[in-house]
Amino acid sequence: MLNKNIFFILLGYIAVGIAVAYVFIHDDQVDAVAEQVAVEEMSLAEARQAFWARDMAKAERLYQIITNADVGNINAWGELGNIYYLQSRWQEAAAAYTEVALRLVEMGDIPQAMYLQQLVSRLDAKQAQRIHESLRSQQVSQQVSQQG
């Protein structure tokens, strides 16, 4: 009987230890994500500062770092597109704006994605087609979900 009680007490200690370890691991993961977001926000602010200082090379480099680290950062993609647009780098601007539009479609912001599609269509027909296909796919998905 004593062995059974000791066994259950040990199981209790193990369970508590696992729970405590989970909390610490989870907190470390949350801290890591928070730190990454803070670094990205600082980088975004630094890229914007370089843009407004007319240091386009630095701003472009910083925006590229941000978009490589976080492909879903529509602010960085859009602002990178603006840099390319101001430099008459039409295809690169179209590619950056397309990334924004595709994310907007995923987020359900169809009107803004359609606006960008119109802009991109003046810069690069292939990129505009990518946006069109994404919008069409979203429309088909919505129709299927409404029928089912």
N, C-alpha and C. Protein backbone atom coordinates (compact mmCIF):
# COMPACT_ATOMS: atom_id res chain seq x y z
N MET A 1 0.81 -1.19 0.00
CA MET A 1 0.00 0.00 0.00
C MET A 1 0.86 1.26 0.00
N LEU A 2 1.92 1.22 0.77
CA LEU A 2 2.82 2.35 0.86
C LEU A 2 3.48 2.61 -0.50
N ASN A 3 3.84 1.54 -1.18
CA ASN A 3 4.48 1.69 -2.49
C ASN A 3 3.53 2.34 -3.49
N LYS A 4 2.24 2.01 -3.40
CA LYS A 4 1.25 2.58 -4.30
C LYS A 4 1.12 4.08 -4.04
N ASN A 5 1.09 4.48 -2.79
CA ASN A 5 0.99 5.90 -2.45
C ASN A 5 2.22 6.67 -2.93
N ILE A 6 3.39 6.09 -2.71
CA ILE A 6 4.62 6.74 -3.16
C ILE A 6 4.62 6.87 -4.68
N PHE A 7 4.14 5.84 -5.36
CA PHE A 7 4.05 5.85 -6.82
C PHE A 7 3.16 7.01 -7.29
N PHE A 8 1.99 7.20 -6.68
CA PHE A 8 1.07 8.27 -7.07
C PHE A 8 1.64 9.65 -6.73
N ILE A 9 2.35 9.75 -5.63
CA ILE A 9 2.99 11.01 -5.27
C ILE A 9 4.06 11.36 -6.31
N LEU A 10 4.86 10.37 -6.67
CA LEU A 10 5.88 10.60 -7.70
C LEU A 10 5.25 11.00 -9.03
N LEU A 11 4.16 10.35 -9.40
CA LEU A 11 3.45 10.72 -10.64
C LEU A 11 2.97 12.16 -10.56
N GLY A 12 2.47 12.53 -9.38
CA GLY A 12 2.02 13.92 -9.20
C GLY A 12 3.15 14.91 -9.39
N TYR A 13 4.33 14.61 -8.79
CA TYR A 13 5.49 15.49 -8.95
C TYR A 13 5.93 15.57 -10.41
N ILE A 14 5.89 14.45 -11.09
CA ILE A 14 6.27 14.43 -12.51
C ILE A 14 5.31 15.29 -13.32
N ALA A 15 4.02 15.15 -13.05
CA ALA A 15 3.02 15.93 -13.78
C ALA A 15 3.22 17.42 -13.55
N VAL A 16 3.48 17.79 -12.30
CA VAL A 16 3.72 19.20 -11.99
C VAL A 16 4.98 19.68 -12.70
N GLY A 17 6.03 18.86 -12.68
CA GLY A 17 7.27 19.22 -13.36
C GLY A 17 7.07 19.43 -14.85
N ILE A 18 6.30 18.57 -15.46
CA ILE A 18 6.01 18.71 -16.89
C ILE A 18 5.22 19.99 -17.15
N ALA A 19 4.24 20.27 -16.31
CA ALA A 19 3.44 21.48 -16.47
C ALA A 19 4.31 22.73 -16.34
N VAL A 20 5.18 22.74 -15.33
CA VAL A 20 6.07 23.89 -15.13
C VAL A 20 7.02 24.04 -16.31
N ALA A 21 7.58 22.93 -16.78
CA ALA A 21 8.48 22.97 -17.94
C ALA A 21 7.74 23.51 -19.15
N TYR A 22 6.50 23.09 -19.36
CA TYR A 22 5.71 23.57 -20.50
C TYR A 22 5.53 25.08 -20.43
N VAL A 23 5.22 25.57 -19.23
CA VAL A 23 5.02 27.01 -19.06
C VAL A 23 6.29 27.76 -19.41
N PHE A 24 7.44 27.29 -18.92
CA PHE A 24 8.70 27.97 -19.21
C PHE A 24 9.05 27.89 -20.69
N ILE A 25 8.85 26.73 -21.30
CA ILE A 25 9.13 26.59 -22.74
C ILE A 25 8.19 27.48 -23.52
N HIS A 26 6.91 27.46 -23.16
CA HIS A 26 5.92 28.28 -23.85
C HIS A 26 6.26 29.76 -23.72
N ASP A 27 6.66 30.19 -22.51
CA ASP A 27 7.04 31.58 -22.31
C ASP A 27 8.25 31.94 -23.16
N ASP A 28 9.21 31.03 -23.28
CA ASP A 28 10.38 31.29 -24.13
C ASP A 28 9.97 31.46 -25.59
N GLN A 29 9.01 30.64 -26.04
CA GLN A 29 8.55 30.74 -27.41
C GLN A 29 7.83 32.07 -27.63
N VAL A 30 7.00 32.45 -26.67
CA VAL A 30 6.29 33.72 -26.76
C VAL A 30 7.29 34.87 -26.77
N ASP A 31 8.30 34.79 -25.90
CA ASP A 31 9.32 35.83 -25.87
C ASP A 31 10.07 35.91 -27.19
N ALA A 32 10.38 34.76 -27.79
CA ALA A 32 11.10 34.75 -29.06
C ALA A 32 10.27 35.39 -30.16
N VAL A 33 8.98 35.09 -30.20
CA VAL A 33 8.10 35.68 -31.21
C VAL A 33 7.98 37.19 -30.97
N ALA A 34 7.81 37.58 -29.71
CA ALA A 34 7.71 39.01 -29.40
C ALA A 34 8.98 39.74 -29.79
N GLU A 35 10.12 39.12 -29.55
CA GLU A 35 11.40 39.73 -29.90
C GLU A 35 11.52 39.87 -31.42
N GLN A 36 11.08 38.84 -32.15
CA GLN A 36 11.15 38.89 -33.61
C GLN A 36 10.27 40.02 -34.14
N VAL A 37 9.06 40.15 -33.58
CA VAL A 37 8.16 41.22 -34.01
C VAL A 37 8.77 42.58 -33.72
N ALA A 38 9.38 42.73 -32.55
CA ALA A 38 10.01 44.00 -32.20
C ALA A 38 11.15 44.34 -33.16
N VAL A 39 11.96 43.35 -33.51
CA VAL A 39 13.06 43.57 -34.45
C VAL A 39 12.52 43.97 -35.81
N GLU A 40 11.46 43.29 -36.26
CA GLU A 40 10.88 43.62 -37.56
C GLU A 40 10.30 45.03 -37.56
N GLU A 41 9.65 45.41 -36.46
CA GLU A 41 9.08 46.75 -36.38
C GLU A 41 10.19 47.80 -36.36
N MET A 42 11.28 47.53 -35.64
CA MET A 42 12.41 48.45 -35.64
C MET A 42 13.00 48.55 -37.03
N SER A 43 13.13 47.41 -37.72
CA SER A 43 13.67 47.40 -39.07
C SER A 43 12.77 48.16 -40.02
N LEU A 44 11.46 47.98 -39.87
CA LEU A 44 10.49 48.68 -40.71
C LEU A 44 10.61 50.19 -40.48
N ALA A 45 10.72 50.59 -39.23
CA ALA A 45 10.87 52.01 -38.92
C ALA A 45 12.17 52.55 -39.50
N GLU A 46 13.23 51.75 -39.41
CA GLU A 46 14.53 52.16 -39.96
C GLU A 46 14.46 52.27 -41.48
N ALA A 47 13.77 51.33 -42.12
CA ALA A 47 13.61 51.38 -43.58
C ALA A 47 12.82 52.61 -43.99
N ARG A 48 11.78 52.92 -43.24
CA ARG A 48 10.98 54.12 -43.55
C ARG A 48 11.80 55.38 -43.37
N GLN A 49 12.61 55.40 -42.31
CA GLN A 49 13.46 56.55 -42.06
C GLN A 49 14.45 56.73 -43.21
N ALA A 50 15.03 55.65 -43.69
CA ALA A 50 15.95 55.73 -44.83
C ALA A 50 15.23 56.23 -46.07
N PHE A 51 14.00 55.76 -46.28
CA PHE A 51 13.21 56.19 -47.44
C PHE A 51 12.98 57.70 -47.39
N TRP A 52 12.54 58.19 -46.24
CA TRP A 52 12.25 59.63 -46.12
C TRP A 52 13.51 60.48 -46.18
N ALA A 53 14.65 59.87 -45.84
CA ALA A 53 15.93 60.57 -45.97
C ALA A 53 16.47 60.47 -47.40
N ARG A 54 15.70 59.83 -48.27
CA ARG A 54 16.04 59.64 -49.68
C ARG A 54 17.26 58.73 -49.88
N ASP A 55 17.53 57.87 -48.90
CA ASP A 55 18.59 56.88 -49.04
C ASP A 55 17.94 55.60 -49.56
N MET A 56 17.64 55.60 -50.86
CA MET A 56 16.87 54.51 -51.45
C MET A 56 17.60 53.17 -51.40
N ALA A 57 18.91 53.19 -51.53
CA ALA A 57 19.66 51.93 -51.49
C ALA A 57 19.53 51.27 -50.12
N LYS A 58 19.67 52.05 -49.07
CA LYS A 58 19.54 51.51 -47.71
C LYS A 58 18.11 51.06 -47.45
N ALA A 59 17.15 51.88 -47.84
CA ALA A 59 15.74 51.53 -47.64
C ALA A 59 15.40 50.24 -48.38
N GLU A 60 15.84 50.14 -49.62
CA GLU A 60 15.58 48.93 -50.41
C GLU A 60 16.17 47.71 -49.73
N ARG A 61 17.43 47.83 -49.28
CA ARG A 61 18.09 46.70 -48.62
C ARG A 61 17.33 46.29 -47.36
N LEU A 62 16.89 47.25 -46.57
CA LEU A 62 16.17 46.94 -45.34
C LEU A 62 14.81 46.30 -45.63
N TYR A 63 14.10 46.83 -46.61
CA TYR A 63 12.82 46.23 -46.98
C TYR A 63 13.00 44.81 -47.50
N GLN A 64 14.07 44.57 -48.25
CA GLN A 64 14.34 43.22 -48.74
C GLN A 64 14.62 42.27 -47.58
N ILE A 65 15.36 42.73 -46.59
CA ILE A 65 15.63 41.90 -45.42
C ILE A 65 14.33 41.55 -44.71
N ILE A 66 13.47 42.55 -44.56
CA ILE A 66 12.19 42.32 -43.88
C ILE A 66 11.33 41.35 -44.66
N THR A 67 11.22 41.54 -45.97
CA THR A 67 10.36 40.65 -46.77
C THR A 67 10.92 39.24 -46.85
N ASN A 68 12.23 39.10 -46.81
CA ASN A 68 12.82 37.75 -46.78
C ASN A 68 12.54 37.06 -45.45
N ALA A 69 12.55 37.83 -44.37
CA ALA A 69 12.31 37.26 -43.04
C ALA A 69 10.82 37.00 -42.80
N ASP A 70 9.98 37.83 -43.40
CA ASP A 70 8.53 37.73 -43.17
C ASP A 70 7.81 37.99 -44.50
N VAL A 71 7.61 36.93 -45.27
CA VAL A 71 7.02 37.10 -46.61
C VAL A 71 5.58 37.62 -46.55
N GLY A 72 4.96 37.56 -45.40
CA GLY A 72 3.59 38.04 -45.26
C GLY A 72 3.47 39.49 -44.84
N ASN A 73 4.59 40.19 -44.74
CA ASN A 73 4.58 41.58 -44.28
C ASN A 73 4.17 42.49 -45.44
N ILE A 74 2.88 42.76 -45.54
CA ILE A 74 2.39 43.53 -46.69
C ILE A 74 2.86 44.98 -46.65
N ASN A 75 3.10 45.52 -45.47
CA ASN A 75 3.61 46.89 -45.40
C ASN A 75 4.99 46.98 -46.06
N ALA A 76 5.87 46.05 -45.71
CA ALA A 76 7.21 46.07 -46.29
C ALA A 76 7.17 45.83 -47.79
N TRP A 77 6.34 44.88 -48.24
CA TRP A 77 6.23 44.62 -49.68
C TRP A 77 5.71 45.86 -50.42
N GLY A 78 4.69 46.49 -49.87
CA GLY A 78 4.13 47.67 -50.53
C GLY A 78 5.12 48.81 -50.61
N GLU A 79 5.83 49.03 -49.51
CA GLU A 79 6.80 50.12 -49.49
C GLU A 79 8.00 49.82 -50.37
N LEU A 80 8.39 48.54 -50.45
CA LEU A 80 9.45 48.16 -51.39
C LEU A 80 8.98 48.41 -52.83
N GLY A 81 7.72 48.09 -53.10
CA GLY A 81 7.16 48.37 -54.41
C GLY A 81 7.18 49.86 -54.73
N ASN A 82 6.91 50.68 -53.73
CA ASN A 82 6.95 52.14 -53.94
C ASN A 82 8.35 52.61 -54.32
N ILE A 83 9.36 52.03 -53.68
CA ILE A 83 10.75 52.39 -54.02
C ILE A 83 11.03 52.03 -55.48
N TYR A 84 10.66 50.81 -55.87
CA TYR A 84 10.88 50.40 -57.26
C TYR A 84 10.10 51.29 -58.22
N TYR A 85 8.87 51.62 -57.86
CA TYR A 85 8.04 52.45 -58.73
C TYR A 85 8.68 53.82 -58.93
N LEU A 86 9.15 54.43 -57.84
CA LEU A 86 9.77 55.75 -57.94
C LEU A 86 11.05 55.73 -58.78
N GLN A 87 11.68 54.56 -58.88
CA GLN A 87 12.89 54.42 -59.66
C GLN A 87 12.60 53.89 -61.07
N SER A 88 11.34 53.83 -61.44
CA SER A 88 10.90 53.33 -62.76
C SER A 88 11.33 51.89 -63.00
N ARG A 89 11.40 51.12 -61.95
CA ARG A 89 11.73 49.69 -62.05
C ARG A 89 10.39 48.95 -62.03
N TRP A 90 9.71 49.01 -63.17
CA TRP A 90 8.30 48.62 -63.26
C TRP A 90 8.06 47.16 -62.91
N GLN A 91 8.86 46.26 -63.46
CA GLN A 91 8.62 44.84 -63.20
C GLN A 91 8.84 44.49 -61.73
N GLU A 92 9.86 45.08 -61.13
CA GLU A 92 10.11 44.81 -59.71
C GLU A 92 9.00 45.41 -58.85
N ALA A 93 8.51 46.59 -59.23
CA ALA A 93 7.39 47.21 -58.51
C ALA A 93 6.16 46.32 -58.63
N ALA A 94 5.91 45.83 -59.84
CA ALA A 94 4.75 44.96 -60.06
C ALA A 94 4.85 43.70 -59.22
N ALA A 95 6.04 43.11 -59.15
CA ALA A 95 6.22 41.90 -58.35
C ALA A 95 5.95 42.15 -56.87
N ALA A 96 6.44 43.29 -56.36
CA ALA A 96 6.21 43.62 -54.95
C ALA A 96 4.73 43.88 -54.69
N TYR A 97 4.09 44.65 -55.56
CA TYR A 97 2.67 44.93 -55.39
C TYR A 97 1.83 43.65 -55.52
N THR A 98 2.29 42.73 -56.36
CA THR A 98 1.59 41.45 -56.50
C THR A 98 1.64 40.68 -55.20
N GLU A 99 2.77 40.69 -54.53
CA GLU A 99 2.87 40.01 -53.22
C GLU A 99 1.85 40.59 -52.25
N VAL A 100 1.70 41.90 -52.26
CA VAL A 100 0.70 42.54 -51.39
C VAL A 100 -0.69 42.08 -51.77
N ALA A 101 -1.00 42.13 -53.06
CA ALA A 101 -2.34 41.77 -53.52
C ALA A 101 -2.68 40.32 -53.17
N LEU A 102 -1.73 39.41 -53.35
CA LEU A 102 -1.98 38.01 -53.04
C LEU A 102 -2.28 37.82 -51.55
N ARG A 103 -1.56 38.54 -50.69
CA ARG A 103 -1.82 38.46 -49.25
C ARG A 103 -3.19 39.06 -48.91
N LEU A 104 -3.54 40.14 -49.61
CA LEU A 104 -4.84 40.77 -49.38
C LEU A 104 -5.98 39.82 -49.76
N VAL A 105 -5.80 39.08 -50.84
CA VAL A 105 -6.81 38.10 -51.24
C VAL A 105 -6.95 37.05 -50.14
N GLU A 106 -5.82 36.56 -49.62
CA GLU A 106 -5.85 35.58 -48.53
C GLU A 106 -6.58 36.14 -47.31
N MET A 107 -6.41 37.44 -47.05
CA MET A 107 -7.02 38.08 -45.90
C MET A 107 -8.49 38.44 -46.15
N GLY A 108 -8.92 38.32 -47.40
CA GLY A 108 -10.30 38.63 -47.74
C GLY A 108 -10.55 40.08 -48.11
N ASP A 109 -9.50 40.87 -48.29
CA ASP A 109 -9.65 42.27 -48.67
C ASP A 109 -9.64 42.37 -50.19
N ILE A 110 -10.73 41.91 -50.79
CA ILE A 110 -10.85 41.81 -52.24
C ILE A 110 -10.82 43.18 -52.93
N PRO A 111 -11.53 44.20 -52.42
CA PRO A 111 -11.49 45.50 -53.11
C PRO A 111 -10.07 46.07 -53.23
N GLN A 112 -9.29 45.97 -52.17
CA GLN A 112 -7.92 46.50 -52.22
C GLN A 112 -7.06 45.67 -53.18
N ALA A 113 -7.27 44.36 -53.18
CA ALA A 113 -6.52 43.49 -54.10
C ALA A 113 -6.88 43.83 -55.55
N MET A 114 -8.15 44.11 -55.81
CA MET A 114 -8.57 44.47 -57.17
C MET A 114 -7.96 45.81 -57.59
N TYR A 115 -7.87 46.73 -56.65
CA TYR A 115 -7.22 48.02 -56.95
C TYR A 115 -5.77 47.80 -57.36
N LEU A 116 -5.07 46.97 -56.59
CA LEU A 116 -3.67 46.69 -56.92
C LEU A 116 -3.54 45.95 -58.25
N GLN A 117 -4.51 45.09 -58.54
CA GLN A 117 -4.47 44.39 -59.82
C GLN A 117 -4.51 45.40 -60.98
N GLN A 118 -5.36 46.41 -60.85
CA GLN A 118 -5.43 47.43 -61.90
C GLN A 118 -4.10 48.16 -62.04
N LEU A 119 -3.48 48.50 -60.93
CA LEU A 119 -2.18 49.17 -60.97
C LEU A 119 -1.13 48.27 -61.61
N VAL A 120 -1.08 47.02 -61.16
CA VAL A 120 -0.09 46.07 -61.66
C VAL A 120 -0.29 45.80 -63.15
N SER A 121 -1.54 45.80 -63.61
CA SER A 121 -1.80 45.52 -65.03
C SER A 121 -1.14 46.55 -65.94
N ARG A 122 -0.90 47.75 -65.44
CA ARG A 122 -0.21 48.78 -66.22
C ARG A 122 1.30 48.59 -66.21
N LEU A 123 1.78 47.74 -65.28
CA LEU A 123 3.22 47.56 -65.13
C LEU A 123 3.71 46.23 -65.70
N ASP A 124 2.93 45.16 -65.48
CA ASP A 124 3.39 43.82 -65.88
C ASP A 124 2.17 42.90 -65.99
N ALA A 125 1.84 42.53 -67.20
CA ALA A 125 0.65 41.72 -67.45
C ALA A 125 0.71 40.35 -66.77
N LYS A 126 1.88 39.73 -66.71
CA LYS A 126 2.00 38.41 -66.09
C LYS A 126 1.71 38.47 -64.59
N GLN A 127 2.21 39.51 -63.94
CA GLN A 127 1.95 39.66 -62.51
C GLN A 127 0.45 39.95 -62.27
N ALA A 128 -0.13 40.76 -63.14
CA ALA A 128 -1.56 41.05 -63.02
C ALA A 128 -2.38 39.77 -63.18
N GLN A 129 -1.93 38.89 -64.05
CA GLN A 129 -2.61 37.61 -64.25
C GLN A 129 -2.55 36.75 -62.98
N ARG A 130 -1.44 36.78 -62.27
CA ARG A 130 -1.32 36.04 -61.00
C ARG A 130 -2.38 36.53 -60.00
N ILE A 131 -2.54 37.85 -59.94
CA ILE A 131 -3.55 38.40 -59.02
C ILE A 131 -4.94 37.98 -59.48
N HIS A 132 -5.18 38.08 -60.79
CA HIS A 132 -6.48 37.69 -61.34
C HIS A 132 -6.82 36.24 -60.98
N GLU A 133 -5.85 35.35 -61.15
CA GLU A 133 -6.07 33.94 -60.84
C GLU A 133 -6.37 33.72 -59.36
N SER A 134 -5.69 34.46 -58.51
CA SER A 134 -5.93 34.36 -57.07
C SER A 134 -7.33 34.87 -56.72
N LEU A 135 -7.72 35.98 -57.32
CA LEU A 135 -9.07 36.51 -57.09
C LEU A 135 -10.13 35.54 -57.59
N ARG A 136 -9.89 34.97 -58.74
CA ARG A 136 -10.83 34.00 -59.32
C ARG A 136 -10.95 32.78 -58.41
N SER A 137 -9.83 32.27 -57.93
CA SER A 137 -9.83 31.12 -57.04
C SER A 137 -10.61 31.43 -55.76
N GLN A 138 -10.41 32.64 -55.22
CA GLN A 138 -11.12 33.06 -54.01
C GLN A 138 -12.62 33.11 -54.27
N GLN A 139 -12.98 33.62 -55.44
CA GLN A 139 -14.40 33.73 -55.80
C GLN A 139 -15.03 32.34 -55.91
N VAL A 140 -14.33 31.41 -56.53
CA VAL A 140 -14.83 30.04 -56.67
C VAL A 140 -14.97 29.40 -55.29
N SER A 141 -13.99 29.60 -54.42
CA SER A 141 -14.05 29.04 -53.07
C SER A 141 -15.25 29.57 -52.29
N GLN A 142 -15.52 30.86 -52.45
CA GLN A 142 -16.66 31.46 -51.76
C GLN A 142 -17.98 30.89 -52.28
N GLN A 143 -18.05 30.68 -53.60
CA GLN A 143 -19.28 30.12 -54.18
C GLN A 143 -19.51 28.70 -53.70
N VAL A 144 -18.45 27.92 -53.64
CA VAL A 144 -18.57 26.53 -53.17
C VAL A 144 -19.00 26.50 -51.71
N SER A 145 -18.43 27.36 -50.89
CA SER A 145 -18.78 27.36 -49.45
C SER A 145 -20.21 27.84 -49.24
N GLN A 146 -20.70 28.72 -50.10
CA GLN A 146 -22.08 29.20 -49.98
C GLN A 146 -23.08 28.11 -50.41
N GLN A 147 -22.67 27.27 -51.37
CA GLN A 147 -23.56 26.20 -51.84
C GLN A 147 -23.61 25.05 -50.85
N GLY A 148 -22.51 24.82 -50.15
CA GLY A 148 -22.39 23.65 -49.26
C GLY A 148 -22.82 23.99 -47.91
